[in-house]
Amino acid sequence: MEHIKELEPNEVEKLIDDEDTVIIDVREDDEVAQGMIENAKHIPLEKIPYAKDELDKDKHYVFVCRSGGRSMTAASYMDEHGLDVSNMRGGMLEWQGEVII
């Protein structure tokens, strides 16, 4: 897992409108209901294995959770399946940008 790139929340904030980057929030439904990053796609962690074939291998994926642990698990899984991935360090606990509800 050491080779998964970790991005700081302020770096992720700059990628929100990047057409080549997809932010994936792997938190549970009740967590996402409290707010998530604009333009993020919600795929709960347990559904990640089923979503891998639906993701475009030409895009960069940034995984997000509450504190960075579950998203690292998801990022590692997707990395093993050939996707270009990063993890947001510190998760939503460190996020200073806007959230949508």
N, C-alpha and C. Protein backbone atom coordinates (compact mmCIF):
# COMPACT_ATOMS: atom_id res chain seq x y z
N MET A 1 0.82 -1.20 0.00
CA MET A 1 0.00 0.00 0.00
C MET A 1 0.86 1.27 0.00
N GLU A 2 2.15 1.12 0.20
CA GLU A 2 3.00 2.31 0.27
C GLU A 2 3.05 3.08 -1.05
N HIS A 3 2.79 2.40 -2.16
CA HIS A 3 2.92 3.09 -3.44
C HIS A 3 1.67 3.88 -3.84
N ILE A 4 0.60 3.80 -3.07
CA ILE A 4 -0.59 4.59 -3.38
C ILE A 4 -0.30 6.05 -3.03
N LYS A 5 -0.47 6.92 -4.01
CA LYS A 5 -0.22 8.35 -3.78
C LYS A 5 -1.30 8.92 -2.86
N GLU A 6 -0.86 9.71 -1.89
CA GLU A 6 -1.81 10.38 -1.01
C GLU A 6 -1.83 11.86 -1.33
N LEU A 7 -3.02 12.40 -1.49
CA LEU A 7 -3.19 13.81 -1.78
C LEU A 7 -3.73 14.51 -0.54
N GLU A 8 -3.28 15.72 -0.32
CA GLU A 8 -3.81 16.53 0.77
C GLU A 8 -5.20 17.03 0.35
N PRO A 9 -6.09 17.28 1.31
CA PRO A 9 -7.43 17.77 0.95
C PRO A 9 -7.42 19.01 0.07
N ASN A 10 -6.49 19.94 0.29
CA ASN A 10 -6.45 21.15 -0.56
C ASN A 10 -6.06 20.81 -2.00
N GLU A 11 -5.28 19.74 -2.19
CA GLU A 11 -4.94 19.30 -3.55
C GLU A 11 -6.17 18.69 -4.22
N VAL A 12 -6.93 17.93 -3.46
CA VAL A 12 -8.15 17.31 -4.00
C VAL A 12 -9.16 18.40 -4.37
N GLU A 13 -9.23 19.44 -3.56
CA GLU A 13 -10.17 20.54 -3.84
C GLU A 13 -9.91 21.15 -5.22
N LYS A 14 -8.65 21.20 -5.63
CA LYS A 14 -8.29 21.76 -6.94
C LYS A 14 -8.69 20.83 -8.08
N LEU A 15 -8.99 19.56 -7.76
CA LEU A 15 -9.33 18.57 -8.79
C LEU A 15 -10.83 18.39 -8.99
N ILE A 16 -11.64 19.08 -8.18
CA ILE A 16 -13.09 18.89 -8.23
C ILE A 16 -13.66 19.05 -9.63
N ASP A 17 -13.19 20.04 -10.37
CA ASP A 17 -13.72 20.31 -11.71
C ASP A 17 -12.88 19.73 -12.84
N ASP A 18 -11.89 18.92 -12.50
CA ASP A 18 -11.01 18.29 -13.50
C ASP A 18 -11.77 17.14 -14.15
N GLU A 19 -11.95 17.23 -15.46
CA GLU A 19 -12.72 16.21 -16.18
C GLU A 19 -12.04 14.84 -16.17
N ASP A 20 -10.73 14.81 -15.94
CA ASP A 20 -10.00 13.55 -15.96
C ASP A 20 -9.88 12.91 -14.58
N THR A 21 -10.46 13.56 -13.57
CA THR A 21 -10.39 13.06 -12.20
C THR A 21 -11.79 12.80 -11.67
N VAL A 22 -11.97 11.66 -11.01
CA VAL A 22 -13.23 11.32 -10.38
C VAL A 22 -12.96 11.09 -8.89
N ILE A 23 -13.70 11.82 -8.05
CA ILE A 23 -13.59 11.64 -6.61
C ILE A 23 -14.64 10.62 -6.21
N ILE A 24 -14.20 9.57 -5.52
CA ILE A 24 -15.12 8.52 -5.09
C ILE A 24 -15.16 8.48 -3.57
N ASP A 25 -16.35 8.66 -3.03
CA ASP A 25 -16.59 8.64 -1.59
C ASP A 25 -17.05 7.24 -1.22
N VAL A 26 -16.27 6.56 -0.38
CA VAL A 26 -16.58 5.16 -0.05
C VAL A 26 -17.28 5.01 1.31
N ARG A 27 -17.73 6.13 1.89
CA ARG A 27 -18.40 6.06 3.18
C ARG A 27 -19.80 5.44 3.06
N GLU A 28 -20.37 5.14 4.20
CA GLU A 28 -21.72 4.57 4.26
C GLU A 28 -22.75 5.66 3.95
N ASP A 29 -23.97 5.23 3.62
CA ASP A 29 -25.04 6.16 3.26
C ASP A 29 -25.29 7.22 4.33
N ASP A 30 -25.31 6.82 5.60
CA ASP A 30 -25.60 7.79 6.67
C ASP A 30 -24.49 8.83 6.81
N GLU A 31 -23.26 8.44 6.49
CA GLU A 31 -22.14 9.40 6.55
C GLU A 31 -22.23 10.40 5.40
N VAL A 32 -22.54 9.89 4.21
CA VAL A 32 -22.64 10.73 3.02
C VAL A 32 -23.80 11.71 3.17
N ALA A 33 -24.85 11.30 3.86
CA ALA A 33 -26.02 12.17 4.07
C ALA A 33 -25.66 13.43 4.84
N GLN A 34 -24.55 13.40 5.57
CA GLN A 34 -24.10 14.57 6.32
C GLN A 34 -23.31 15.54 5.45
N GLY A 35 -23.05 15.16 4.22
CA GLY A 35 -22.36 16.04 3.28
C GLY A 35 -21.20 15.33 2.60
N MET A 36 -21.05 15.62 1.32
CA MET A 36 -19.93 15.05 0.58
C MET A 36 -19.36 16.10 -0.36
N ILE A 37 -18.18 15.81 -0.89
CA ILE A 37 -17.49 16.73 -1.80
C ILE A 37 -18.29 16.88 -3.09
N GLU A 38 -18.39 18.11 -3.57
CA GLU A 38 -19.10 18.39 -4.81
C GLU A 38 -18.54 17.53 -5.95
N ASN A 39 -19.43 17.01 -6.77
CA ASN A 39 -19.10 16.17 -7.94
C ASN A 39 -18.57 14.78 -7.57
N ALA A 40 -18.48 14.46 -6.28
CA ALA A 40 -17.99 13.12 -5.90
C ALA A 40 -19.05 12.08 -6.24
N LYS A 41 -18.56 10.89 -6.52
CA LYS A 41 -19.44 9.74 -6.82
C LYS A 41 -19.45 8.88 -5.56
N HIS A 42 -20.63 8.48 -5.12
CA HIS A 42 -20.73 7.66 -3.91
C HIS A 42 -20.77 6.18 -4.27
N ILE A 43 -19.74 5.45 -3.83
CA ILE A 43 -19.71 3.99 -3.98
C ILE A 43 -19.27 3.45 -2.61
N PRO A 44 -20.20 2.95 -1.79
CA PRO A 44 -19.81 2.42 -0.48
C PRO A 44 -18.73 1.36 -0.62
N LEU A 45 -17.84 1.29 0.36
CA LEU A 45 -16.69 0.40 0.30
C LEU A 45 -17.06 -1.03 -0.10
N GLU A 46 -18.14 -1.57 0.46
CA GLU A 46 -18.47 -2.97 0.15
C GLU A 46 -18.91 -3.17 -1.29
N LYS A 47 -19.23 -2.08 -2.00
CA LYS A 47 -19.65 -2.19 -3.41
C LYS A 47 -18.50 -1.94 -4.37
N ILE A 48 -17.33 -1.57 -3.85
CA ILE A 48 -16.17 -1.28 -4.70
C ILE A 48 -15.82 -2.44 -5.65
N PRO A 49 -15.78 -3.70 -5.17
CA PRO A 49 -15.43 -4.78 -6.10
C PRO A 49 -16.40 -4.90 -7.29
N TYR A 50 -17.65 -4.53 -7.08
CA TYR A 50 -18.64 -4.63 -8.15
C TYR A 50 -18.58 -3.44 -9.10
N ALA A 51 -17.94 -2.36 -8.67
CA ALA A 51 -17.89 -1.14 -9.47
C ALA A 51 -16.67 -1.07 -10.37
N LYS A 52 -15.68 -1.93 -10.11
CA LYS A 52 -14.40 -1.78 -10.82
C LYS A 52 -14.53 -1.85 -12.33
N ASP A 53 -15.45 -2.66 -12.84
CA ASP A 53 -15.59 -2.79 -14.28
C ASP A 53 -16.36 -1.64 -14.92
N GLU A 54 -17.00 -0.83 -14.08
CA GLU A 54 -17.77 0.31 -14.59
C GLU A 54 -16.92 1.57 -14.68
N LEU A 55 -15.72 1.53 -14.11
CA LEU A 55 -14.88 2.73 -14.07
C LEU A 55 -13.96 2.81 -15.29
N ASP A 56 -13.79 4.00 -15.79
CA ASP A 56 -12.98 4.28 -16.98
C ASP A 56 -11.50 4.23 -16.62
N LYS A 57 -10.76 3.32 -17.23
CA LYS A 57 -9.34 3.16 -16.91
C LYS A 57 -8.50 4.36 -17.35
N ASP A 58 -9.07 5.27 -18.13
CA ASP A 58 -8.33 6.45 -18.58
C ASP A 58 -8.44 7.63 -17.60
N LYS A 59 -9.22 7.46 -16.55
CA LYS A 59 -9.39 8.55 -15.58
C LYS A 59 -8.57 8.30 -14.32
N HIS A 60 -8.38 9.35 -13.55
CA HIS A 60 -7.68 9.28 -12.26
C HIS A 60 -8.76 9.30 -11.18
N TYR A 61 -8.66 8.39 -10.24
CA TYR A 61 -9.66 8.28 -9.17
C TYR A 61 -9.04 8.65 -7.83
N VAL A 62 -9.73 9.53 -7.10
CA VAL A 62 -9.30 9.92 -5.76
C VAL A 62 -10.34 9.35 -4.80
N PHE A 63 -9.89 8.50 -3.88
CA PHE A 63 -10.80 7.86 -2.93
C PHE A 63 -10.81 8.63 -1.62
N VAL A 64 -12.03 8.76 -1.05
CA VAL A 64 -12.26 9.55 0.15
C VAL A 64 -13.14 8.76 1.11
N CYS A 65 -12.84 8.86 2.41
CA CYS A 65 -13.73 8.32 3.44
C CYS A 65 -13.71 9.29 4.62
N ARG A 66 -14.05 8.82 5.80
CA ARG A 66 -14.09 9.72 6.95
C ARG A 66 -12.70 10.15 7.38
N SER A 67 -11.77 9.18 7.49
CA SER A 67 -10.43 9.52 8.01
C SER A 67 -9.27 9.07 7.13
N GLY A 68 -9.55 8.35 6.05
CA GLY A 68 -8.49 7.95 5.12
C GLY A 68 -8.17 6.46 5.11
N GLY A 69 -8.73 5.69 6.03
CA GLY A 69 -8.43 4.26 6.10
C GLY A 69 -9.19 3.42 5.09
N ARG A 70 -10.51 3.56 5.08
CA ARG A 70 -11.33 2.78 4.13
C ARG A 70 -11.02 3.18 2.69
N SER A 71 -10.78 4.47 2.48
CA SER A 71 -10.47 4.93 1.12
C SER A 71 -9.14 4.37 0.65
N MET A 72 -8.18 4.19 1.55
CA MET A 72 -6.91 3.57 1.18
C MET A 72 -7.13 2.11 0.79
N THR A 73 -8.01 1.42 1.50
CA THR A 73 -8.35 0.04 1.14
C THR A 73 -8.94 0.00 -0.26
N ALA A 74 -9.87 0.89 -0.55
CA ALA A 74 -10.51 0.95 -1.87
C ALA A 74 -9.49 1.31 -2.94
N ALA A 75 -8.63 2.29 -2.66
CA ALA A 75 -7.62 2.72 -3.63
C ALA A 75 -6.66 1.58 -3.95
N SER A 76 -6.25 0.85 -2.92
CA SER A 76 -5.34 -0.29 -3.13
C SER A 76 -5.98 -1.36 -3.99
N TYR A 77 -7.25 -1.64 -3.72
CA TYR A 77 -7.98 -2.65 -4.51
C TYR A 77 -8.05 -2.21 -5.98
N MET A 78 -8.42 -0.97 -6.21
CA MET A 78 -8.54 -0.49 -7.59
C MET A 78 -7.17 -0.40 -8.28
N ASP A 79 -6.14 -0.08 -7.52
CA ASP A 79 -4.78 -0.05 -8.06
C ASP A 79 -4.39 -1.45 -8.54
N GLU A 80 -4.72 -2.47 -7.77
CA GLU A 80 -4.43 -3.85 -8.15
C GLU A 80 -5.16 -4.25 -9.43
N HIS A 81 -6.25 -3.55 -9.73
CA HIS A 81 -7.03 -3.84 -10.93
C HIS A 81 -6.75 -2.85 -12.05
N GLY A 82 -5.63 -2.16 -11.96
CA GLY A 82 -5.14 -1.37 -13.09
C GLY A 82 -5.65 0.05 -13.20
N LEU A 83 -6.28 0.57 -12.17
CA LEU A 83 -6.74 1.95 -12.25
C LEU A 83 -5.71 2.91 -11.67
N ASP A 84 -5.75 4.15 -12.15
CA ASP A 84 -4.88 5.22 -11.66
C ASP A 84 -5.58 5.83 -10.45
N VAL A 85 -5.01 5.62 -9.26
CA VAL A 85 -5.71 6.01 -8.03
C VAL A 85 -4.84 6.83 -7.09
N SER A 86 -5.52 7.58 -6.23
CA SER A 86 -4.90 8.30 -5.11
C SER A 86 -5.86 8.20 -3.94
N ASN A 87 -5.34 8.47 -2.76
CA ASN A 87 -6.14 8.50 -1.54
C ASN A 87 -6.06 9.91 -0.97
N MET A 88 -7.20 10.41 -0.44
CA MET A 88 -7.17 11.72 0.21
C MET A 88 -6.77 11.54 1.67
N ARG A 89 -5.62 12.06 2.02
CA ARG A 89 -5.08 11.94 3.37
C ARG A 89 -6.00 12.63 4.38
N GLY A 90 -6.31 11.92 5.47
CA GLY A 90 -7.11 12.51 6.54
C GLY A 90 -8.61 12.46 6.32
N GLY A 91 -9.03 12.13 5.12
CA GLY A 91 -10.45 11.99 4.83
C GLY A 91 -11.26 13.26 5.07
N MET A 92 -12.56 13.07 5.23
CA MET A 92 -13.47 14.20 5.40
C MET A 92 -13.23 14.94 6.72
N LEU A 93 -12.56 14.30 7.67
CA LEU A 93 -12.23 14.99 8.91
C LEU A 93 -11.30 16.17 8.66
N GLU A 94 -10.49 16.07 7.59
CA GLU A 94 -9.53 17.12 7.26
C GLU A 94 -10.03 18.06 6.16
N TRP A 95 -11.15 17.73 5.53
CA TRP A 95 -11.68 18.49 4.41
C TRP A 95 -12.12 19.87 4.87
N GLN A 96 -11.59 20.91 4.22
CA GLN A 96 -11.96 22.28 4.55
C GLN A 96 -12.86 22.91 3.48
N GLY A 97 -13.01 22.23 2.36
CA GLY A 97 -13.80 22.79 1.26
C GLY A 97 -15.30 22.65 1.50
N GLU A 98 -16.05 23.07 0.51
CA GLU A 98 -17.51 22.99 0.60
C GLU A 98 -17.98 21.55 0.52
N VAL A 99 -19.12 21.30 1.12
CA VAL A 99 -19.76 20.00 0.99
C VAL A 99 -21.19 20.22 0.50
N ILE A 100 -21.70 19.22 -0.20
CA ILE A 100 -23.10 19.28 -0.64
C ILE A 100 -23.86 18.21 0.12
N ILE A 101 -25.10 18.50 0.40
CA ILE A 101 -25.95 17.56 1.16
C ILE A 101 -27.10 17.10 0.29
